[in-house]
Amino acid sequence: MLTPGSRPIMRCVSHMNPKTNQIYMAPKMQGIVSTWMDVEDHHFDPPALMLISELVYKPKNGLPPDEMVVASEEAKLAGVLDVYEEKLTNSEFLGGDKFTSADLTHLPSLHYLMRTPVKRLFGERPKVSAWCATITSRPAWAKVVEK
């Protein structure tokens, strides 16, 4: 999960290190990546964090998840994933034809969500499922989560 301010820092680091190949030089493509980072921040992340709280952290602390909250947040996330499914019919990644910060920002929440029953929401959407498999199998991400 990203903290407030981490997305702008990621944008800055990506632009300062073009060797990461996570940025586009064309302003239009930079705008597209920024838009999808904002979609993650304002539409994907809120229900994802609520679901992680209910399905990961509450049980870890001996509390049952609130099933009404889970159902409501799953519906919100499903709507976002429907938009992603449509977007991913035209490109392999959210920001275009290569992995960018728009994809990277999803990894922390995906790490937790894929270990809950919410995983089915991703599996029900073939393009989203393939995108998740691609970005979560990146060697650098594997190093992050192996610790």
C-alpha atoms as a PDB file:
ATOM      1  CA  MET A   1       0.000   0.000   0.000  1.00  0.00           C
ATOM      2  CA  LEU A   2       1.251   3.380  -0.900  1.00  0.00           C
ATOM      3  CA  THR A   3       1.435   6.230   1.536  1.00  0.00           C
ATOM      4  CA  PRO A   4       0.378   9.781   0.740  1.00  0.00           C
ATOM      5  CA  GLY A   5       3.114  11.399  -1.268  1.00  0.00           C
ATOM      6  CA  SER A   6       4.611   8.165  -2.569  1.00  0.00           C
ATOM      7  CA  ARG A   7       3.062   8.454  -6.027  1.00  0.00           C
ATOM      8  CA  PRO A   8       4.683  11.862  -6.728  1.00  0.00           C
ATOM      9  CA  ILE A   9       7.973  10.474  -5.446  1.00  0.00           C
ATOM     10  CA  MET A  10       7.621   7.493  -7.798  1.00  0.00           C
ATOM     11  CA  ARG A  11       6.985   9.852 -10.711  1.00  0.00           C
ATOM     12  CA  CYS A  12      10.053  11.880  -9.842  1.00  0.00           C
ATOM     13  CA  VAL A  13      12.300   8.829  -9.433  1.00  0.00           C
ATOM     14  CA  SER A  14      11.054   7.363 -12.716  1.00  0.00           C
ATOM     15  CA  HIS A  15      11.841  10.584 -14.573  1.00  0.00           C
ATOM     16  CA  MET A  16      15.224  10.964 -12.900  1.00  0.00           C
ATOM     17  CA  ASN A  17      16.174   7.401 -13.852  1.00  0.00           C
ATOM     18  CA  PRO A  18      15.073   6.904 -17.455  1.00  0.00           C
ATOM     19  CA  LYS A  19      17.122   3.692 -17.553  1.00  0.00           C
ATOM     20  CA  THR A  20      14.255   2.058 -15.684  1.00  0.00           C
ATOM     21  CA  ASN A  21      12.353   2.332 -18.975  1.00  0.00           C
ATOM     22  CA  GLN A  22       9.190   3.072 -17.001  1.00  0.00           C
ATOM     23  CA  ILE A  23       8.546   6.436 -18.610  1.00  0.00           C
ATOM     24  CA  TYR A  24       7.603   7.656 -22.030  1.00  0.00           C
ATOM     25  CA  MET A  25       9.361  10.611 -23.564  1.00  0.00           C
ATOM     26  CA  ALA A  26       6.238  11.715 -25.451  1.00  0.00           C
ATOM     27  CA  PRO A  27       4.166  14.131 -23.342  1.00  0.00           C
ATOM     28  CA  LYS A  28       0.891  12.502 -24.465  1.00  0.00           C
ATOM     29  CA  MET A  29       2.022   9.116 -23.174  1.00  0.00           C
ATOM     30  CA  GLN A  30       3.262  10.683 -19.930  1.00  0.00           C
ATOM     31  CA  GLY A  31      -0.232  12.105 -19.506  1.00  0.00           C
ATOM     32  CA  ILE A  32      -1.797   8.695 -20.075  1.00  0.00           C
ATOM     33  CA  VAL A  33       0.440   7.120 -17.427  1.00  0.00           C
ATOM     34  CA  SER A  34      -0.376   9.933 -14.994  1.00  0.00           C
ATOM     35  CA  THR A  35      -4.084   9.452 -15.620  1.00  0.00           C
ATOM     36  CA  TRP A  36      -3.889   5.743 -14.808  1.00  0.00           C
ATOM     37  CA  MET A  37      -1.872   6.491 -11.664  1.00  0.00           C
ATOM     38  CA  ASP A  38      -4.704   8.804 -10.630  1.00  0.00           C
ATOM     39  CA  VAL A  39      -7.267   6.091 -11.406  1.00  0.00           C
ATOM     40  CA  GLU A  40      -5.342   3.739  -9.134  1.00  0.00           C
ATOM     41  CA  ASP A  41      -5.121   6.380  -6.404  1.00  0.00           C
ATOM     42  CA  HIS A  42      -8.756   7.503  -6.462  1.00  0.00           C
ATOM     43  CA  HIS A  43     -10.720   4.464  -7.680  1.00  0.00           C
ATOM     44  CA  PHE A  44      -8.707   1.241  -7.217  1.00  0.00           C
ATOM     45  CA  ASP A  45      -6.892   1.943  -3.964  1.00  0.00           C
ATOM     46  CA  PRO A  46      -9.843   2.970  -1.745  1.00  0.00           C
ATOM     47  CA  PRO A  47     -11.838  -0.272  -2.116  1.00  0.00           C
ATOM     48  CA  ALA A  48      -8.620  -2.319  -2.220  1.00  0.00           C
ATOM     49  CA  LEU A  49      -7.473  -0.905   1.117  1.00  0.00           C
ATOM     50  CA  MET A  50     -10.868  -1.488   2.713  1.00  0.00           C
ATOM     51  CA  LEU A  51     -10.858  -5.091   1.497  1.00  0.00           C
ATOM     52  CA  ILE A  52      -7.324  -5.628   2.773  1.00  0.00           C
ATOM     53  CA  SER A  53      -8.360  -4.211   6.134  1.00  0.00           C
ATOM     54  CA  GLU A  54     -11.417  -6.465   6.320  1.00  0.00           C
ATOM     55  CA  LEU A  55      -9.945  -9.670   4.851  1.00  0.00           C
ATOM     56  CA  VAL A  56      -6.307  -9.539   5.951  1.00  0.00           C
ATOM     57  CA  TYR A  57      -5.790  -7.318   8.972  1.00  0.00           C
ATOM     58  CA  LYS A  58      -8.999  -7.961  10.908  1.00  0.00           C
ATOM     59  CA  PRO A  59      -8.588 -11.762  10.800  1.00  0.00           C
ATOM     60  CA  LYS A  60      -4.914 -11.382  11.679  1.00  0.00           C
ATOM     61  CA  ASN A  61      -6.073  -9.585  14.828  1.00  0.00           C
ATOM     62  CA  GLY A  62      -8.744 -12.151  15.657  1.00  0.00           C
ATOM     63  CA  LEU A  63     -11.658 -10.088  14.350  1.00  0.00           C
ATOM     64  CA  PRO A  64     -14.209 -11.217  11.796  1.00  0.00           C
ATOM     65  CA  PRO A  65     -14.561  -9.229   8.584  1.00  0.00           C
ATOM     66  CA  ASP A  66     -17.674  -7.116   8.201  1.00  0.00           C
ATOM     67  CA  GLU A  67     -19.406  -8.960   5.368  1.00  0.00           C
ATOM     68  CA  MET A  68     -21.506  -5.933   4.387  1.00  0.00           C
ATOM     69  CA  VAL A  69     -18.374  -3.823   3.998  1.00  0.00           C
ATOM     70  CA  VAL A  70     -16.699  -6.615   2.017  1.00  0.00           C
ATOM     71  CA  ALA A  71     -19.666  -6.921  -0.354  1.00  0.00           C
ATOM     72  CA  SER A  72     -19.859  -3.167  -0.878  1.00  0.00           C
ATOM     73  CA  GLU A  73     -16.138  -2.757  -1.522  1.00  0.00           C
ATOM     74  CA  GLU A  74     -16.024  -5.809  -3.798  1.00  0.00           C
ATOM     75  CA  ALA A  75     -18.739  -4.217  -5.929  1.00  0.00           C
ATOM     76  CA  LYS A  76     -16.741  -0.985  -6.159  1.00  0.00           C
ATOM     77  CA  LEU A  77     -13.556  -2.855  -7.054  1.00  0.00           C
ATOM     78  CA  ALA A  78     -15.407  -4.957  -9.637  1.00  0.00           C
ATOM     79  CA  GLY A  79     -16.513  -1.762 -11.373  1.00  0.00           C
ATOM     80  CA  VAL A  80     -12.930  -0.523 -11.525  1.00  0.00           C
ATOM     81  CA  LEU A  81     -11.737  -3.874 -12.841  1.00  0.00           C
ATOM     82  CA  ASP A  82     -14.376  -3.731 -15.581  1.00  0.00           C
ATOM     83  CA  VAL A  83     -12.819  -0.447 -16.721  1.00  0.00           C
ATOM     84  CA  TYR A  84      -9.364  -2.049 -16.565  1.00  0.00           C
ATOM     85  CA  GLU A  85     -10.565  -5.024 -18.608  1.00  0.00           C
ATOM     86  CA  GLU A  86     -11.750  -2.664 -21.341  1.00  0.00           C
ATOM     87  CA  LYS A  87      -8.507  -0.659 -21.257  1.00  0.00           C
ATOM     88  CA  LEU A  88      -6.357  -3.783 -21.373  1.00  0.00           C
ATOM     89  CA  THR A  89      -8.004  -4.965 -24.589  1.00  0.00           C
ATOM     90  CA  ASN A  90      -5.913  -2.318 -26.367  1.00  0.00           C
ATOM     91  CA  SER A  91      -2.595  -2.614 -24.531  1.00  0.00           C
ATOM     92  CA  GLU A  92      -0.695  -5.031 -22.333  1.00  0.00           C
ATOM     93  CA  PHE A  93      -0.273  -2.469 -19.556  1.00  0.00           C
ATOM     94  CA  LEU A  94      -2.419   0.339 -18.195  1.00  0.00           C
ATOM     95  CA  GLY A  95      -0.105   3.091 -19.397  1.00  0.00           C
ATOM     96  CA  GLY A  96       0.520   1.645 -22.852  1.00  0.00           C
ATOM     97  CA  ASP A  97       2.808  -0.975 -24.309  1.00  0.00           C
ATOM     98  CA  LYS A  98       5.308  -1.153 -21.446  1.00  0.00           C
ATOM     99  CA  PHE A  99       5.366  -1.483 -17.664  1.00  0.00           C
ATOM    100  CA  THR A 100       5.175   1.960 -16.057  1.00  0.00           C
ATOM    101  CA  SER A 101       4.472   3.542 -12.705  1.00  0.00           C
ATOM    102  CA  ALA A 102       0.770   3.161 -13.540  1.00  0.00           C
ATOM    103  CA  ASP A 103       1.214  -0.589 -13.151  1.00  0.00           C
ATOM    104  CA  LEU A 104       3.765  -0.385 -10.354  1.00  0.00           C
ATOM    105  CA  THR A 105       1.405   1.491  -8.035  1.00  0.00           C
ATOM    106  CA  HIS A 106      -0.949  -1.504  -8.022  1.00  0.00           C
ATOM    107  CA  LEU A 107       1.575  -4.069  -6.805  1.00  0.00           C
ATOM    108  CA  PRO A 108       1.371  -3.571  -3.021  1.00  0.00           C
ATOM    109  CA  SER A 109      -2.413  -3.941  -2.908  1.00  0.00           C
ATOM    110  CA  LEU A 110      -2.387  -6.790  -5.423  1.00  0.00           C
ATOM    111  CA  HIS A 111       0.075  -8.638  -3.205  1.00  0.00           C
ATOM    112  CA  TYR A 112      -2.534  -8.792  -0.447  1.00  0.00           C
ATOM    113  CA  LEU A 113      -5.703  -9.049  -2.523  1.00  0.00           C
ATOM    114  CA  MET A 114      -4.448 -12.094  -4.416  1.00  0.00           C
ATOM    115  CA  ARG A 115      -4.289 -13.946  -1.103  1.00  0.00           C
ATOM    116  CA  THR A 116      -7.986 -13.377  -0.364  1.00  0.00           C
ATOM    117  CA  PRO A 117     -11.263 -14.516  -1.928  1.00  0.00           C
ATOM    118  CA  VAL A 118     -11.238 -11.201  -3.853  1.00  0.00           C
ATOM    119  CA  LYS A 119      -8.745 -12.872  -6.203  1.00  0.00           C
ATOM    120  CA  ARG A 120     -11.737 -14.245  -8.093  1.00  0.00           C
ATOM    121  CA  LEU A 121     -12.653 -10.706  -9.252  1.00  0.00           C
ATOM    122  CA  PHE A 122      -9.352 -10.554 -11.114  1.00  0.00           C
ATOM    123  CA  GLY A 123      -9.656 -14.102 -12.453  1.00  0.00           C
ATOM    124  CA  GLU A 124     -13.109 -13.387 -13.897  1.00  0.00           C
ATOM    125  CA  ARG A 125     -11.571 -10.837 -16.269  1.00  0.00           C
ATOM    126  CA  PRO A 126      -9.101 -12.459 -18.707  1.00  0.00           C
ATOM    127  CA  LYS A 127      -7.183  -9.281 -19.606  1.00  0.00           C
ATOM    128  CA  VAL A 128      -6.971  -8.152 -15.988  1.00  0.00           C
ATOM    129  CA  SER A 129      -5.888 -11.639 -14.960  1.00  0.00           C
ATOM    130  CA  ALA A 130      -3.105 -11.673 -17.564  1.00  0.00           C
ATOM    131  CA  TRP A 131      -2.006  -8.154 -16.570  1.00  0.00           C
ATOM    132  CA  CYS A 132      -1.851  -9.169 -12.899  1.00  0.00           C
ATOM    133  CA  ALA A 133       0.168 -12.272 -13.714  1.00  0.00           C
ATOM    134  CA  THR A 134       2.584 -10.225 -15.810  1.00  0.00           C
ATOM    135  CA  ILE A 135       3.220  -7.449 -13.320  1.00  0.00           C
ATOM    136  CA  THR A 136       3.335  -9.651 -10.207  1.00  0.00           C
ATOM    137  CA  SER A 137       5.852 -12.002 -11.820  1.00  0.00           C
ATOM    138  CA  ARG A 138       8.441  -9.308 -12.496  1.00  0.00           C
ATOM    139  CA  PRO A 139      11.806 -10.311 -10.996  1.00  0.00           C
ATOM    140  CA  ALA A 140      12.197  -7.028  -9.101  1.00  0.00           C
ATOM    141  CA  TRP A 141       8.791  -7.508  -7.451  1.00  0.00           C
ATOM    142  CA  ALA A 142       9.677 -11.093  -6.537  1.00  0.00           C
ATOM    143  CA  LYS A 143      12.697  -9.732  -4.675  1.00  0.00           C
ATOM    144  CA  VAL A 144      10.501  -7.283  -2.780  1.00  0.00           C
ATOM    145  CA  VAL A 145       7.998  -9.885  -1.583  1.00  0.00           C
ATOM    146  CA  GLU A 146      10.447 -12.675  -0.835  1.00  0.00           C
ATOM    147  CA  LYS A 147      11.675 -10.877   2.258  1.00  0.00           C
END
